[in-house]
Amino acid sequence: MTDITPAQTDDLPAVLGLLDRSELPRDGLAEHFDIAIVARDAAQVVGSAAVERYERAGLLRSVAVDPAYRGQGLGARLVGAALDQARQEGLQTIYLLTTTASEYFPRFGFEPISRADVAPAVQQSVEFMSACPASALVMRTELR
């Protein structure tokens, strides 16, 4: 059974390796790693997710699952836990950028939007400014 827990500082190298293997950007995550969550199988990090905070908005990023653990609902558990954490912290709107998972995120209430409709503070994030390509789809959900 995999456990979803807050990331520990010494989990950063394992999460960065997971992002590299998943071909996801790592830029900016170290500066926001205190908000990351991980999935663990025993001591091994097998999944990750994080919501960077920008005023009352957040940016969901670094959602990755080790290939050996895909297809078991672990990604959904990670996204759900990250959104629950954001909700508990009072965030109202969550954005994300994706080049490969536009069909995955609507189940969590995300809908495509234009970059112009993103909160200005989120537009200043490393993900928006440089880590993700301009061709990445932007999606948003409102937390209740």
N, C-alpha and C. Protein backbone atom coordinates (compact mmCIF):
# COMPACT_ATOMS: atom_id res chain seq x y z
N MET A 1 0.85 -1.19 0.00
CA MET A 1 0.00 0.00 0.00
C MET A 1 0.89 1.24 0.00
N THR A 2 0.60 2.13 -0.90
CA THR A 2 1.35 3.38 -0.94
C THR A 2 0.67 4.41 -0.05
N ASP A 3 1.50 5.18 0.64
CA ASP A 3 1.03 6.23 1.52
C ASP A 3 1.27 7.59 0.89
N ILE A 4 0.33 8.51 1.05
CA ILE A 4 0.48 9.88 0.59
C ILE A 4 0.81 10.72 1.82
N THR A 5 1.97 11.40 1.80
CA THR A 5 2.42 12.17 2.94
C THR A 5 3.07 13.47 2.47
N PRO A 6 3.20 14.45 3.38
CA PRO A 6 3.97 15.64 3.02
C PRO A 6 5.41 15.22 2.68
N ALA A 7 5.97 15.89 1.69
CA ALA A 7 7.36 15.61 1.32
C ALA A 7 8.29 16.08 2.42
N GLN A 8 9.39 15.37 2.59
CA GLN A 8 10.45 15.77 3.50
C GLN A 8 11.58 16.38 2.67
N THR A 9 12.37 17.23 3.29
CA THR A 9 13.45 17.90 2.56
C THR A 9 14.33 16.91 1.82
N ASP A 10 14.63 15.77 2.44
CA ASP A 10 15.52 14.80 1.79
C ASP A 10 14.84 14.00 0.69
N ASP A 11 13.54 14.26 0.42
CA ASP A 11 12.85 13.63 -0.71
C ASP A 11 13.11 14.37 -2.02
N LEU A 12 13.66 15.58 -1.95
CA LEU A 12 13.81 16.39 -3.16
C LEU A 12 14.57 15.67 -4.27
N PRO A 13 15.73 15.05 -4.03
CA PRO A 13 16.42 14.37 -5.13
C PRO A 13 15.57 13.27 -5.79
N ALA A 14 14.82 12.52 -5.00
CA ALA A 14 13.98 11.46 -5.56
C ALA A 14 12.86 12.05 -6.41
N VAL A 15 12.26 13.16 -5.94
CA VAL A 15 11.19 13.79 -6.71
C VAL A 15 11.74 14.40 -8.00
N LEU A 16 12.89 15.04 -7.93
CA LEU A 16 13.49 15.61 -9.15
C LEU A 16 13.80 14.50 -10.17
N GLY A 17 14.29 13.36 -9.69
CA GLY A 17 14.53 12.23 -10.58
C GLY A 17 13.25 11.73 -11.21
N LEU A 18 12.18 11.67 -10.43
CA LEU A 18 10.88 11.24 -10.94
C LEU A 18 10.37 12.22 -12.00
N LEU A 19 10.54 13.51 -11.76
CA LEU A 19 10.13 14.52 -12.74
C LEU A 19 10.94 14.37 -14.03
N ASP A 20 12.23 14.15 -13.89
CA ASP A 20 13.08 13.95 -15.07
C ASP A 20 12.61 12.75 -15.89
N ARG A 21 12.34 11.63 -15.21
CA ARG A 21 11.89 10.42 -15.91
C ARG A 21 10.52 10.61 -16.56
N SER A 22 9.72 11.53 -15.97
CA SER A 22 8.37 11.80 -16.49
C SER A 22 8.37 12.95 -17.49
N GLU A 23 9.55 13.49 -17.76
CA GLU A 23 9.72 14.61 -18.70
C GLU A 23 8.88 15.82 -18.30
N LEU A 24 8.90 16.12 -16.99
CA LEU A 24 8.23 17.29 -16.45
C LEU A 24 9.26 18.28 -15.95
N PRO A 25 8.92 19.58 -15.97
CA PRO A 25 9.90 20.57 -15.53
C PRO A 25 10.17 20.51 -14.03
N ARG A 26 11.42 20.71 -13.69
CA ARG A 26 11.83 20.73 -12.29
C ARG A 26 12.10 22.14 -11.82
N ASP A 27 12.24 23.08 -12.77
CA ASP A 27 12.58 24.46 -12.43
C ASP A 27 11.57 25.05 -11.45
N GLY A 28 12.07 25.64 -10.38
CA GLY A 28 11.24 26.31 -9.40
C GLY A 28 10.69 25.42 -8.30
N LEU A 29 10.75 24.11 -8.45
CA LEU A 29 10.17 23.24 -7.43
C LEU A 29 10.95 23.32 -6.12
N ALA A 30 12.26 23.36 -6.18
CA ALA A 30 13.05 23.38 -4.94
C ALA A 30 12.66 24.56 -4.06
N GLU A 31 12.33 25.70 -4.66
CA GLU A 31 11.96 26.88 -3.89
C GLU A 31 10.58 26.73 -3.24
N HIS A 32 9.78 25.79 -3.72
CA HIS A 32 8.43 25.58 -3.19
C HIS A 32 8.25 24.17 -2.63
N PHE A 33 9.34 23.49 -2.33
CA PHE A 33 9.24 22.07 -1.97
C PHE A 33 8.51 21.84 -0.65
N ASP A 34 8.41 22.87 0.16
CA ASP A 34 7.71 22.72 1.44
C ASP A 34 6.22 22.41 1.26
N ILE A 35 5.70 22.59 0.05
CA ILE A 35 4.29 22.34 -0.21
C ILE A 35 4.05 21.04 -0.97
N ALA A 36 5.11 20.33 -1.26
CA ALA A 36 4.98 19.09 -2.05
C ALA A 36 4.44 17.95 -1.20
N ILE A 37 3.77 17.03 -1.87
CA ILE A 37 3.37 15.78 -1.24
C ILE A 37 3.95 14.65 -2.08
N VAL A 38 4.13 13.52 -1.44
CA VAL A 38 4.71 12.37 -2.15
C VAL A 38 3.90 11.12 -1.85
N ALA A 39 4.02 10.17 -2.75
CA ALA A 39 3.50 8.82 -2.52
C ALA A 39 4.71 7.95 -2.26
N ARG A 40 4.61 7.14 -1.22
CA ARG A 40 5.72 6.26 -0.84
C ARG A 40 5.26 4.81 -0.84
N ASP A 41 6.13 3.97 -1.34
CA ASP A 41 5.98 2.54 -1.18
C ASP A 41 7.17 2.13 -0.33
N ALA A 42 6.91 1.85 0.92
CA ALA A 42 7.98 1.66 1.91
C ALA A 42 8.75 2.98 1.97
N ALA A 43 10.04 2.95 1.73
CA ALA A 43 10.83 4.19 1.79
C ALA A 43 10.99 4.85 0.43
N GLN A 44 10.52 4.21 -0.63
CA GLN A 44 10.74 4.72 -1.99
C GLN A 44 9.66 5.71 -2.40
N VAL A 45 10.07 6.90 -2.90
CA VAL A 45 9.15 7.88 -3.44
C VAL A 45 8.73 7.40 -4.83
N VAL A 46 7.41 7.21 -5.01
CA VAL A 46 6.89 6.69 -6.30
C VAL A 46 5.90 7.64 -6.95
N GLY A 47 5.66 8.79 -6.32
CA GLY A 47 4.75 9.78 -6.90
C GLY A 47 4.91 11.11 -6.21
N SER A 48 4.46 12.16 -6.90
CA SER A 48 4.57 13.51 -6.33
C SER A 48 3.49 14.41 -6.88
N ALA A 49 3.24 15.49 -6.15
CA ALA A 49 2.36 16.58 -6.58
C ALA A 49 2.66 17.77 -5.68
N ALA A 50 2.37 18.96 -6.17
CA ALA A 50 2.58 20.17 -5.39
C ALA A 50 1.65 21.26 -5.88
N VAL A 51 1.26 22.15 -4.98
CA VAL A 51 0.50 23.33 -5.34
C VAL A 51 1.27 24.54 -4.83
N GLU A 52 1.85 25.30 -5.75
CA GLU A 52 2.53 26.53 -5.37
C GLU A 52 1.47 27.57 -5.02
N ARG A 53 1.70 28.34 -3.97
CA ARG A 53 0.74 29.36 -3.52
C ARG A 53 1.11 30.74 -4.06
N TYR A 54 0.08 31.42 -4.58
CA TYR A 54 0.21 32.80 -5.07
C TYR A 54 -1.04 33.55 -4.63
N GLU A 55 -0.94 34.23 -3.49
CA GLU A 55 -2.09 34.92 -2.91
C GLU A 55 -3.20 33.90 -2.67
N ARG A 56 -4.40 34.09 -3.25
CA ARG A 56 -5.52 33.17 -3.05
C ARG A 56 -5.60 32.12 -4.15
N ALA A 57 -4.57 32.09 -5.00
CA ALA A 57 -4.55 31.13 -6.12
C ALA A 57 -3.38 30.17 -5.93
N GLY A 58 -3.43 29.07 -6.66
CA GLY A 58 -2.35 28.09 -6.61
C GLY A 58 -2.08 27.53 -7.99
N LEU A 59 -0.90 26.96 -8.12
CA LEU A 59 -0.48 26.33 -9.37
C LEU A 59 -0.15 24.87 -9.08
N LEU A 60 -1.00 23.97 -9.58
CA LEU A 60 -0.75 22.54 -9.44
C LEU A 60 0.37 22.16 -10.39
N ARG A 61 1.38 21.49 -9.86
CA ARG A 61 2.53 21.13 -10.68
C ARG A 61 3.16 19.84 -10.16
N SER A 62 4.07 19.33 -10.95
CA SER A 62 4.90 18.18 -10.55
C SER A 62 4.08 16.95 -10.18
N VAL A 63 2.95 16.76 -10.89
CA VAL A 63 2.14 15.55 -10.69
C VAL A 63 2.80 14.46 -11.52
N ALA A 64 3.40 13.50 -10.83
CA ALA A 64 4.13 12.43 -11.52
C ALA A 64 4.00 11.14 -10.73
N VAL A 65 3.92 10.04 -11.47
CA VAL A 65 3.86 8.71 -10.86
C VAL A 65 4.87 7.83 -11.57
N ASP A 66 5.67 7.12 -10.79
CA ASP A 66 6.64 6.18 -11.34
C ASP A 66 5.92 5.22 -12.29
N PRO A 67 6.48 4.95 -13.48
CA PRO A 67 5.81 4.08 -14.45
C PRO A 67 5.36 2.74 -13.89
N ALA A 68 6.09 2.17 -12.96
CA ALA A 68 5.72 0.87 -12.39
C ALA A 68 4.47 0.95 -11.52
N TYR A 69 4.05 2.16 -11.16
CA TYR A 69 2.91 2.35 -10.27
C TYR A 69 1.71 3.00 -10.97
N ARG A 70 1.81 3.23 -12.27
CA ARG A 70 0.71 3.86 -13.00
C ARG A 70 -0.44 2.88 -13.19
N GLY A 71 -1.62 3.44 -13.39
CA GLY A 71 -2.79 2.62 -13.62
C GLY A 71 -3.43 2.07 -12.35
N GLN A 72 -3.00 2.55 -11.19
CA GLN A 72 -3.53 2.07 -9.91
C GLN A 72 -4.29 3.15 -9.16
N GLY A 73 -4.52 4.31 -9.80
CA GLY A 73 -5.24 5.39 -9.15
C GLY A 73 -4.37 6.28 -8.28
N LEU A 74 -3.07 6.07 -8.32
CA LEU A 74 -2.16 6.84 -7.48
C LEU A 74 -2.13 8.31 -7.88
N GLY A 75 -2.16 8.59 -9.17
CA GLY A 75 -2.17 9.98 -9.63
C GLY A 75 -3.41 10.71 -9.12
N ALA A 76 -4.55 10.06 -9.18
CA ALA A 76 -5.79 10.67 -8.69
C ALA A 76 -5.71 10.92 -7.19
N ARG A 77 -5.13 10.00 -6.45
CA ARG A 77 -4.97 10.20 -5.01
C ARG A 77 -4.05 11.39 -4.72
N LEU A 78 -2.97 11.52 -5.49
CA LEU A 78 -2.05 12.63 -5.30
C LEU A 78 -2.72 13.97 -5.63
N VAL A 79 -3.42 14.03 -6.76
CA VAL A 79 -4.10 15.27 -7.13
C VAL A 79 -5.16 15.62 -6.09
N GLY A 80 -5.94 14.62 -5.67
CA GLY A 80 -6.95 14.87 -4.65
C GLY A 80 -6.36 15.39 -3.36
N ALA A 81 -5.26 14.81 -2.92
CA ALA A 81 -4.59 15.25 -1.69
C ALA A 81 -4.04 16.67 -1.84
N ALA A 82 -3.48 16.98 -3.00
CA ALA A 82 -2.93 18.32 -3.23
C ALA A 82 -4.05 19.36 -3.24
N LEU A 83 -5.18 19.03 -3.87
CA LEU A 83 -6.31 19.97 -3.90
C LEU A 83 -6.93 20.11 -2.51
N ASP A 84 -7.01 19.04 -1.75
CA ASP A 84 -7.52 19.12 -0.37
C ASP A 84 -6.63 20.03 0.47
N GLN A 85 -5.32 19.87 0.32
CA GLN A 85 -4.37 20.70 1.06
C GLN A 85 -4.57 22.17 0.68
N ALA A 86 -4.71 22.45 -0.61
CA ALA A 86 -4.91 23.83 -1.07
C ALA A 86 -6.21 24.40 -0.50
N ARG A 87 -7.25 23.60 -0.49
CA ARG A 87 -8.55 24.02 0.05
C ARG A 87 -8.42 24.37 1.54
N GLN A 88 -7.72 23.51 2.28
CA GLN A 88 -7.53 23.74 3.72
C GLN A 88 -6.75 25.02 3.99
N GLU A 89 -5.89 25.38 3.06
CA GLU A 89 -5.08 26.59 3.23
C GLU A 89 -5.78 27.84 2.70
N GLY A 90 -7.02 27.68 2.26
CA GLY A 90 -7.80 28.84 1.85
C GLY A 90 -7.62 29.28 0.42
N LEU A 91 -6.95 28.48 -0.39
CA LEU A 91 -6.81 28.86 -1.80
C LEU A 91 -8.17 28.68 -2.48
N GLN A 92 -8.45 29.55 -3.45
CA GLN A 92 -9.75 29.53 -4.10
C GLN A 92 -9.70 29.02 -5.54
N THR A 93 -8.63 29.32 -6.24
CA THR A 93 -8.52 28.98 -7.65
C THR A 93 -7.20 28.25 -7.87
N ILE A 94 -7.25 27.14 -8.60
CA ILE A 94 -6.04 26.39 -8.91
C ILE A 94 -5.88 26.33 -10.43
N TYR A 95 -4.66 26.61 -10.88
CA TYR A 95 -4.31 26.55 -12.29
C TYR A 95 -3.32 25.42 -12.51
N LEU A 96 -3.19 24.99 -13.75
CA LEU A 96 -2.12 24.07 -14.13
C LEU A 96 -1.78 24.28 -15.59
N LEU A 97 -0.61 23.83 -15.95
CA LEU A 97 -0.14 23.83 -17.34
C LEU A 97 0.14 22.38 -17.71
N THR A 98 -0.27 21.99 -18.91
CA THR A 98 0.02 20.62 -19.34
C THR A 98 0.23 20.57 -20.85
N THR A 99 1.11 19.69 -21.24
CA THR A 99 1.31 19.42 -22.67
C THR A 99 0.83 18.02 -23.02
N THR A 100 0.56 17.19 -22.02
CA THR A 100 0.24 15.79 -22.29
C THR A 100 -0.99 15.25 -21.58
N ALA A 101 -1.54 15.97 -20.60
CA ALA A 101 -2.58 15.39 -19.76
C ALA A 101 -3.90 16.17 -19.78
N SER A 102 -4.21 16.82 -20.89
CA SER A 102 -5.43 17.63 -20.94
C SER A 102 -6.70 16.80 -20.78
N GLU A 103 -6.64 15.52 -21.08
CA GLU A 103 -7.81 14.65 -20.93
C GLU A 103 -7.94 14.12 -19.50
N TYR A 104 -6.88 14.22 -18.72
CA TYR A 104 -6.86 13.66 -17.37
C TYR A 104 -7.50 14.60 -16.33
N PHE A 105 -7.21 15.89 -16.41
CA PHE A 105 -7.56 16.81 -15.33
C PHE A 105 -9.01 17.26 -15.27
N PRO A 106 -9.83 17.18 -16.32
CA PRO A 106 -11.23 17.56 -16.17
C PRO A 106 -11.98 16.78 -15.08
N ARG A 107 -11.57 15.57 -14.79
CA ARG A 107 -12.25 14.80 -13.72
C ARG A 107 -12.13 15.46 -12.36
N PHE A 108 -11.19 16.39 -12.22
CA PHE A 108 -11.01 17.14 -10.97
C PHE A 108 -11.61 18.54 -11.07
N GLY A 109 -12.37 18.79 -12.13
CA GLY A 109 -13.02 20.08 -12.31
C GLY A 109 -12.24 21.09 -13.12
N PHE A 110 -11.09 20.71 -13.65
CA PHE A 110 -10.28 21.64 -14.45
C PHE A 110 -10.87 21.83 -15.84
N GLU A 111 -10.86 23.08 -16.30
CA GLU A 111 -11.33 23.43 -17.64
C GLU A 111 -10.27 24.28 -18.33
N PRO A 112 -10.13 24.14 -19.64
CA PRO A 112 -9.16 24.96 -20.36
C PRO A 112 -9.53 26.45 -20.31
N ILE A 113 -8.52 27.28 -20.19
CA ILE A 113 -8.70 28.73 -20.23
C ILE A 113 -7.54 29.33 -21.02
N SER A 114 -7.64 30.62 -21.29
CA SER A 114 -6.53 31.30 -21.97
C SER A 114 -5.51 31.76 -20.94
N ARG A 115 -4.29 31.94 -21.38
CA ARG A 115 -3.23 32.44 -20.48
C ARG A 115 -3.59 33.80 -19.91
N ALA A 116 -4.31 34.60 -20.68
CA ALA A 116 -4.70 35.94 -20.22
C ALA A 116 -5.63 35.89 -19.02
N ASP A 117 -6.33 34.77 -18.83
CA ASP A 117 -7.29 34.63 -17.73
C ASP A 117 -6.66 34.11 -16.44
N VAL A 118 -5.35 33.93 -16.43
CA VAL A 118 -4.65 33.43 -15.24
C VAL A 118 -4.32 34.60 -14.32
N ALA A 119 -4.48 34.38 -13.02
CA ALA A 119 -4.17 35.42 -12.03
C ALA A 119 -2.75 35.95 -12.27
N PRO A 120 -2.58 37.27 -12.22
CA PRO A 120 -1.26 37.86 -12.49
C PRO A 120 -0.14 37.29 -11.64
N ALA A 121 -0.39 37.01 -10.37
CA ALA A 121 0.66 36.47 -9.50
C ALA A 121 1.12 35.11 -10.01
N VAL A 122 0.20 34.28 -10.47
CA VAL A 122 0.54 32.95 -10.99
C VAL A 122 1.32 33.08 -12.29
N GLN A 123 0.99 34.09 -13.09
CA GLN A 123 1.71 34.30 -14.35
C GLN A 123 3.18 34.61 -14.11
N GLN A 124 3.54 35.03 -12.90
CA GLN A 124 4.93 35.34 -12.58
C GLN A 124 5.72 34.11 -12.11
N SER A 125 5.07 32.96 -12.01
CA SER A 125 5.75 31.75 -11.55
C SER A 125 6.78 31.28 -12.58
N VAL A 126 7.75 30.52 -12.12
CA VAL A 126 8.76 29.96 -13.01
C VAL A 126 8.11 29.08 -14.07
N GLU A 127 7.10 28.31 -13.68
CA GLU A 127 6.41 27.43 -14.63
C GLU A 127 5.85 28.24 -15.79
N PHE A 128 5.17 29.35 -15.49
CA PHE A 128 4.57 30.16 -16.54
C PHE A 128 5.60 30.93 -17.34
N MET A 129 6.60 31.46 -16.66
CA MET A 129 7.54 32.34 -17.33
C MET A 129 8.57 31.60 -18.18
N SER A 130 8.96 30.38 -17.75
CA SER A 130 10.04 29.75 -18.51
C SER A 130 10.02 28.22 -18.54
N ALA A 131 9.53 27.56 -17.51
CA ALA A 131 9.68 26.11 -17.43
C ALA A 131 8.79 25.36 -18.42
N CYS A 132 7.56 25.85 -18.62
CA CYS A 132 6.64 25.18 -19.54
C CYS A 132 6.61 25.93 -20.87
N PRO A 133 6.48 25.20 -21.97
CA PRO A 133 6.43 25.87 -23.27
C PRO A 133 5.16 26.70 -23.43
N ALA A 134 5.25 27.72 -24.26
CA ALA A 134 4.09 28.59 -24.51
C ALA A 134 2.92 27.80 -25.10
N SER A 135 3.20 26.65 -25.68
CA SER A 135 2.16 25.82 -26.28
C SER A 135 1.38 25.00 -25.25
N ALA A 136 1.82 25.00 -23.98
CA ALA A 136 1.15 24.22 -22.95
C ALA A 136 -0.28 24.73 -22.74
N LEU A 137 -1.19 23.80 -22.56
CA LEU A 137 -2.58 24.13 -22.27
C LEU A 137 -2.68 24.61 -20.83
N VAL A 138 -3.45 25.69 -20.61
CA VAL A 138 -3.70 26.21 -19.28
C VAL A 138 -5.08 25.75 -18.86
N MET A 139 -5.20 25.27 -17.62
CA MET A 139 -6.49 24.83 -17.10
C MET A 139 -6.69 25.43 -15.72
N ARG A 140 -7.97 25.53 -15.32
CA ARG A 140 -8.31 26.14 -14.03
C ARG A 140 -9.48 25.40 -13.40
N THR A 141 -9.47 25.35 -12.08
CA THR A 141 -10.62 24.88 -11.31
C THR A 141 -10.81 25.82 -10.12
N GLU A 142 -12.06 25.95 -9.70
CA GLU A 142 -12.39 26.72 -8.51
C GLU A 142 -12.61 25.73 -7.37
N LEU A 143 -11.99 25.99 -6.22
CA LEU A 143 -12.16 25.13 -5.06
C LEU A 143 -13.38 25.57 -4.27
N ARG A 144 -14.08 24.61 -3.72
CA ARG A 144 -15.26 24.92 -2.91
C ARG A 144 -15.02 24.49 -1.49
